[in-house]
Amino acid sequence: MSCASRSTISPDFCSASSYDGQQTARIVNVSSLGQHPIDFDDVMLTRSYTGGRAYAQSKLAQIMFTFDLARELRPATVAANCLHPATYMATTMVRQSGVTPISTVDEGAEAIVNLAISEELDGHSGQFYSGLRPSRANAQAYDVSAQQRLRELSMRLAELA
């Protein structure tokens, strides 16, 4: 399935044929180290819902989507990467959950901006970062057949298939 057929992304974006060559265009998906494997037999968690598992499963799905998309793009022109920006940043969500912040919002922002504009990362695509460093996601993120299942499920749920 091509990039354009799976979403509203234009064919020009997928092929980057209209790209001016100045710098690699970047897609940066903000995810988390908090990941849980997707159970495709209970993807909506109807049998065993918890908020934490739903969050962690959705973050892994973001990573899987990013890796799947990266294979469709030419990394010299359009790169797709994802990251865990920082751990327990001092955000309202973290403070309201009763967790003591470990990282600052500035640290998380630095990691996101670095992935978005660092010339050192030109041509790097389909990767997961923790902060400023390359990292490894949950093993399921690298499973191409699981990525395909997620893509097909997403298309059906969005009524695009």
C-alpha atoms as a PDB file:
ATOM      1  CA  MET A   1       0.000   0.000   0.000  1.00  0.00           C
ATOM      2  CA  SER A   2       1.446   3.355  -0.955  1.00  0.00           C
ATOM      3  CA  CYS A   3       1.818   6.340   1.336  1.00  0.00           C
ATOM      4  CA  ALA A   4      -0.830   8.317  -0.526  1.00  0.00           C
ATOM      5  CA  SER A   5      -3.382   5.523  -0.516  1.00  0.00           C
ATOM      6  CA  ARG A   6      -3.249   5.116   3.254  1.00  0.00           C
ATOM      7  CA  SER A   7      -4.055   8.684   4.225  1.00  0.00           C
ATOM      8  CA  THR A   8      -4.643  12.179   2.979  1.00  0.00           C
ATOM      9  CA  ILE A   9      -0.906  12.673   2.429  1.00  0.00           C
ATOM     10  CA  SER A  10      -0.305  13.862  -1.099  1.00  0.00           C
ATOM     11  CA  PRO A  11       1.746  11.827  -3.565  1.00  0.00           C
ATOM     12  CA  ASP A  12       4.118  14.801  -3.879  1.00  0.00           C
ATOM     13  CA  PHE A  13       4.839  14.576  -0.177  1.00  0.00           C
ATOM     14  CA  CYS A  14       5.476  10.853  -0.322  1.00  0.00           C
ATOM     15  CA  SER A  15       7.853  11.078  -3.250  1.00  0.00           C
ATOM     16  CA  ALA A  16       9.147  14.510  -2.305  1.00  0.00           C
ATOM     17  CA  SER A  17       9.307  15.260  -6.041  1.00  0.00           C
ATOM     18  CA  SER A  18       8.577  18.928  -5.398  1.00  0.00           C
ATOM     19  CA  TYR A  19      11.145  19.181  -2.618  1.00  0.00           C
ATOM     20  CA  ASP A  20      13.774  21.923  -3.103  1.00  0.00           C
ATOM     21  CA  GLY A  21      16.700  19.926  -1.681  1.00  0.00           C
ATOM     22  CA  GLN A  22      17.742  22.457   0.946  1.00  0.00           C
ATOM     23  CA  GLN A  23      17.274  20.225   3.996  1.00  0.00           C
ATOM     24  CA  THR A  24      15.550  16.951   4.788  1.00  0.00           C
ATOM     25  CA  ALA A  25      11.901  17.504   5.672  1.00  0.00           C
ATOM     26  CA  ARG A  26      11.083  15.935   9.031  1.00  0.00           C
ATOM     27  CA  ILE A  27       8.132  14.187  10.601  1.00  0.00           C
ATOM     28  CA  VAL A  28       8.608  13.943  14.366  1.00  0.00           C
ATOM     29  CA  ASN A  29       6.160  11.866  16.397  1.00  0.00           C
ATOM     30  CA  VAL A  30       6.354  12.384  20.146  1.00  0.00           C
ATOM     31  CA  SER A  31       5.921   9.077  21.924  1.00  0.00           C
ATOM     32  CA  SER A  32       7.114   7.551  25.178  1.00  0.00           C
ATOM     33  CA  LEU A  33       9.304   4.876  26.698  1.00  0.00           C
ATOM     34  CA  GLY A  34       6.060   3.694  28.309  1.00  0.00           C
ATOM     35  CA  GLN A  35       5.046   1.100  25.697  1.00  0.00           C
ATOM     36  CA  HIS A  36       2.919  -2.033  25.847  1.00  0.00           C
ATOM     37  CA  PRO A  37       2.603  -4.663  23.086  1.00  0.00           C
ATOM     38  CA  ILE A  38      -0.627  -4.486  21.127  1.00  0.00           C
ATOM     39  CA  ASP A  39      -2.934  -7.453  21.592  1.00  0.00           C
ATOM     40  CA  PHE A  40      -4.609  -7.580  18.185  1.00  0.00           C
ATOM     41  CA  ASP A  41      -7.279  -9.920  19.613  1.00  0.00           C
ATOM     42  CA  ASP A  42      -8.304  -7.178  22.083  1.00  0.00           C
ATOM     43  CA  VAL A  43      -6.961  -4.006  20.536  1.00  0.00           C
ATOM     44  CA  MET A  44      -9.709  -1.889  22.140  1.00  0.00           C
ATOM     45  CA  LEU A  45      -8.926  -3.433  25.540  1.00  0.00           C
ATOM     46  CA  THR A  46     -12.519  -4.550  26.095  1.00  0.00           C
ATOM     47  CA  ARG A  47     -11.386  -7.473  28.278  1.00  0.00           C
ATOM     48  CA  SER A  48      -8.692  -5.805  30.349  1.00  0.00           C
ATOM     49  CA  TYR A  49      -8.773  -2.014  30.174  1.00  0.00           C
ATOM     50  CA  THR A  50      -6.504   0.138  32.288  1.00  0.00           C
ATOM     51  CA  GLY A  51      -5.615   3.741  31.522  1.00  0.00           C
ATOM     52  CA  GLY A  52      -1.911   2.990  31.801  1.00  0.00           C
ATOM     53  CA  ARG A  53      -2.084   0.106  29.357  1.00  0.00           C
ATOM     54  CA  ALA A  54      -4.175   2.145  26.915  1.00  0.00           C
ATOM     55  CA  TYR A  55      -1.602   4.948  27.048  1.00  0.00           C
ATOM     56  CA  ALA A  56       1.355   2.584  26.636  1.00  0.00           C
ATOM     57  CA  GLN A  57      -0.303   0.665  23.787  1.00  0.00           C
ATOM     58  CA  SER A  58      -1.117   3.922  21.976  1.00  0.00           C
ATOM     59  CA  LYS A  59       2.493   5.080  22.302  1.00  0.00           C
ATOM     60  CA  LEU A  60       3.757   1.831  20.797  1.00  0.00           C
ATOM     61  CA  ALA A  61       1.209   2.227  17.986  1.00  0.00           C
ATOM     62  CA  GLN A  62       2.646   5.693  17.245  1.00  0.00           C
ATOM     63  CA  ILE A  63       6.121   4.211  16.995  1.00  0.00           C
ATOM     64  CA  MET A  64       4.952   1.370  14.758  1.00  0.00           C
ATOM     65  CA  PHE A  65       3.163   3.862  12.500  1.00  0.00           C
ATOM     66  CA  THR A  66       6.313   5.997  12.294  1.00  0.00           C
ATOM     67  CA  PHE A  67       8.491   3.036  11.315  1.00  0.00           C
ATOM     68  CA  ASP A  68       5.923   1.910   8.739  1.00  0.00           C
ATOM     69  CA  LEU A  69       5.695   5.413   7.255  1.00  0.00           C
ATOM     70  CA  ALA A  70       9.489   5.793   7.183  1.00  0.00           C
ATOM     71  CA  ARG A  71       9.735   2.812   4.820  1.00  0.00           C
ATOM     72  CA  GLU A  72       7.418   4.631   2.368  1.00  0.00           C
ATOM     73  CA  LEU A  73       9.518   7.807   2.281  1.00  0.00           C
ATOM     74  CA  ARG A  74      12.910   8.633   0.796  1.00  0.00           C
ATOM     75  CA  PRO A  75      15.043   9.502   3.861  1.00  0.00           C
ATOM     76  CA  ALA A  76      17.215  11.917   1.893  1.00  0.00           C
ATOM     77  CA  THR A  77      14.159  14.112   1.363  1.00  0.00           C
ATOM     78  CA  VAL A  78      11.569  13.230   4.030  1.00  0.00           C
ATOM     79  CA  ALA A  79      12.470  11.515   7.298  1.00  0.00           C
ATOM     80  CA  ALA A  80      10.042  10.108   9.867  1.00  0.00           C
ATOM     81  CA  ASN A  81      11.303   9.482  13.403  1.00  0.00           C
ATOM     82  CA  CYS A  82       9.849   9.304  16.883  1.00  0.00           C
ATOM     83  CA  LEU A  83      11.060   9.945  20.373  1.00  0.00           C
ATOM     84  CA  HIS A  84      10.525   9.860  24.083  1.00  0.00           C
ATOM     85  CA  PRO A  85      11.455  13.494  24.778  1.00  0.00           C
ATOM     86  CA  ALA A  86      12.191  13.253  28.515  1.00  0.00           C
ATOM     87  CA  THR A  87      11.095  11.348  31.608  1.00  0.00           C
ATOM     88  CA  TYR A  88       8.329  12.734  33.809  1.00  0.00           C
ATOM     89  CA  MET A  89       8.660  16.315  32.629  1.00  0.00           C
ATOM     90  CA  ALA A  90       7.304  18.991  34.917  1.00  0.00           C
ATOM     91  CA  THR A  91       3.956  19.201  33.119  1.00  0.00           C
ATOM     92  CA  THR A  92       0.473  19.614  34.545  1.00  0.00           C
ATOM     93  CA  MET A  93      -0.345  15.976  33.734  1.00  0.00           C
ATOM     94  CA  VAL A  94       2.704  14.704  35.632  1.00  0.00           C
ATOM     95  CA  ARG A  95       2.169  16.987  38.621  1.00  0.00           C
ATOM     96  CA  GLN A  96      -1.558  16.153  38.833  1.00  0.00           C
ATOM     97  CA  SER A  97      -0.737  12.438  38.818  1.00  0.00           C
ATOM     98  CA  GLY A  98       1.304  12.906  41.986  1.00  0.00           C
ATOM     99  CA  VAL A  99       4.597  11.971  40.319  1.00  0.00           C
ATOM    100  CA  THR A 100       7.661  14.014  41.175  1.00  0.00           C
ATOM    101  CA  PRO A 101       9.057  15.509  37.958  1.00  0.00           C
ATOM    102  CA  ILE A 102      12.459  14.195  36.896  1.00  0.00           C
ATOM    103  CA  SER A 103      13.040  16.236  33.730  1.00  0.00           C
ATOM    104  CA  THR A 104      12.271  19.782  32.725  1.00  0.00           C
ATOM    105  CA  VAL A 105      10.024  20.786  29.865  1.00  0.00           C
ATOM    106  CA  ASP A 106      13.074  22.526  28.364  1.00  0.00           C
ATOM    107  CA  GLU A 107      14.921  19.175  28.231  1.00  0.00           C
ATOM    108  CA  GLY A 108      11.992  17.596  26.401  1.00  0.00           C
ATOM    109  CA  ALA A 109      11.715  20.547  24.024  1.00  0.00           C
ATOM    110  CA  GLU A 110      15.447  20.374  23.271  1.00  0.00           C
ATOM    111  CA  ALA A 111      15.125  16.710  22.258  1.00  0.00           C
ATOM    112  CA  ILE A 112      12.125  17.405  20.007  1.00  0.00           C
ATOM    113  CA  VAL A 113      13.767  20.402  18.319  1.00  0.00           C
ATOM    114  CA  ASN A 114      17.009  18.446  17.867  1.00  0.00           C
ATOM    115  CA  LEU A 115      15.179  15.658  16.052  1.00  0.00           C
ATOM    116  CA  ALA A 116      13.328  18.220  13.947  1.00  0.00           C
ATOM    117  CA  ILE A 117      16.256  20.360  12.769  1.00  0.00           C
ATOM    118  CA  SER A 118      19.665  18.845  13.564  1.00  0.00           C
ATOM    119  CA  GLU A 119      21.746  18.634  10.384  1.00  0.00           C
ATOM    120  CA  GLU A 120      23.540  15.637  11.922  1.00  0.00           C
ATOM    121  CA  LEU A 121      20.313  13.667  11.571  1.00  0.00           C
ATOM    122  CA  ASP A 122      19.742  14.371   7.866  1.00  0.00           C
ATOM    123  CA  GLY A 123      18.922  11.096   6.160  1.00  0.00           C
ATOM    124  CA  HIS A 124      18.147   9.290   9.435  1.00  0.00           C
ATOM    125  CA  SER A 125      14.656   7.857   9.255  1.00  0.00           C
ATOM    126  CA  GLY A 126      12.618   5.143  10.932  1.00  0.00           C
ATOM    127  CA  GLN A 127      14.364   5.512  14.259  1.00  0.00           C
ATOM    128  CA  PHE A 128      13.359   5.864  17.898  1.00  0.00           C
ATOM    129  CA  TYR A 129      15.152   8.233  20.250  1.00  0.00           C
ATOM    130  CA  SER A 130      15.129   8.713  23.999  1.00  0.00           C
ATOM    131  CA  GLY A 131      15.977  12.333  24.566  1.00  0.00           C
ATOM    132  CA  LEU A 132      18.944  13.180  22.368  1.00  0.00           C
ATOM    133  CA  ARG A 133      20.139   9.592  21.867  1.00  0.00           C
ATOM    134  CA  PRO A 134      19.081   6.735  19.595  1.00  0.00           C
ATOM    135  CA  SER A 135      17.244   4.087  21.596  1.00  0.00           C
ATOM    136  CA  ARG A 136      15.242   0.877  21.185  1.00  0.00           C
ATOM    137  CA  ALA A 137      11.481   0.689  21.321  1.00  0.00           C
ATOM    138  CA  ASN A 138       9.481  -2.350  22.387  1.00  0.00           C
ATOM    139  CA  ALA A 139      10.327  -5.345  20.165  1.00  0.00           C
ATOM    140  CA  GLN A 140       6.863  -5.316  18.547  1.00  0.00           C
ATOM    141  CA  ALA A 141       7.678  -1.913  17.010  1.00  0.00           C
ATOM    142  CA  TYR A 142      10.157  -3.600  14.649  1.00  0.00           C
ATOM    143  CA  ASP A 143       7.792  -6.401  13.596  1.00  0.00           C
ATOM    144  CA  VAL A 144       6.810  -5.568  10.005  1.00  0.00           C
ATOM    145  CA  SER A 145       3.811  -7.933  10.069  1.00  0.00           C
ATOM    146  CA  ALA A 146       2.513  -6.247  13.241  1.00  0.00           C
ATOM    147  CA  GLN A 147       2.999  -2.859  11.569  1.00  0.00           C
ATOM    148  CA  GLN A 148       0.935  -4.101   8.607  1.00  0.00           C
ATOM    149  CA  ARG A 149      -1.809  -5.384  10.909  1.00  0.00           C
ATOM    150  CA  LEU A 150      -1.898  -2.026  12.683  1.00  0.00           C
ATOM    151  CA  ARG A 151      -2.054  -0.145   9.371  1.00  0.00           C
ATOM    152  CA  GLU A 152      -4.909  -2.331   8.102  1.00  0.00           C
ATOM    153  CA  LEU A 153      -6.797  -2.008  11.405  1.00  0.00           C
ATOM    154  CA  SER A 154      -6.303   1.773  11.432  1.00  0.00           C
ATOM    155  CA  MET A 155      -7.585   2.064   7.874  1.00  0.00           C
ATOM    156  CA  ARG A 156     -10.704   0.040   8.739  1.00  0.00           C
ATOM    157  CA  LEU A 157     -11.382   1.995  11.933  1.00  0.00           C
ATOM    158  CA  ALA A 158     -10.953   5.303  10.091  1.00  0.00           C
ATOM    159  CA  GLU A 159     -13.197   3.952   7.333  1.00  0.00           C
ATOM    160  CA  LEU A 160     -10.497   4.526   4.730  1.00  0.00           C
ATOM    161  CA  ALA A 161     -10.360   0.902   3.592  1.00  0.00           C
END
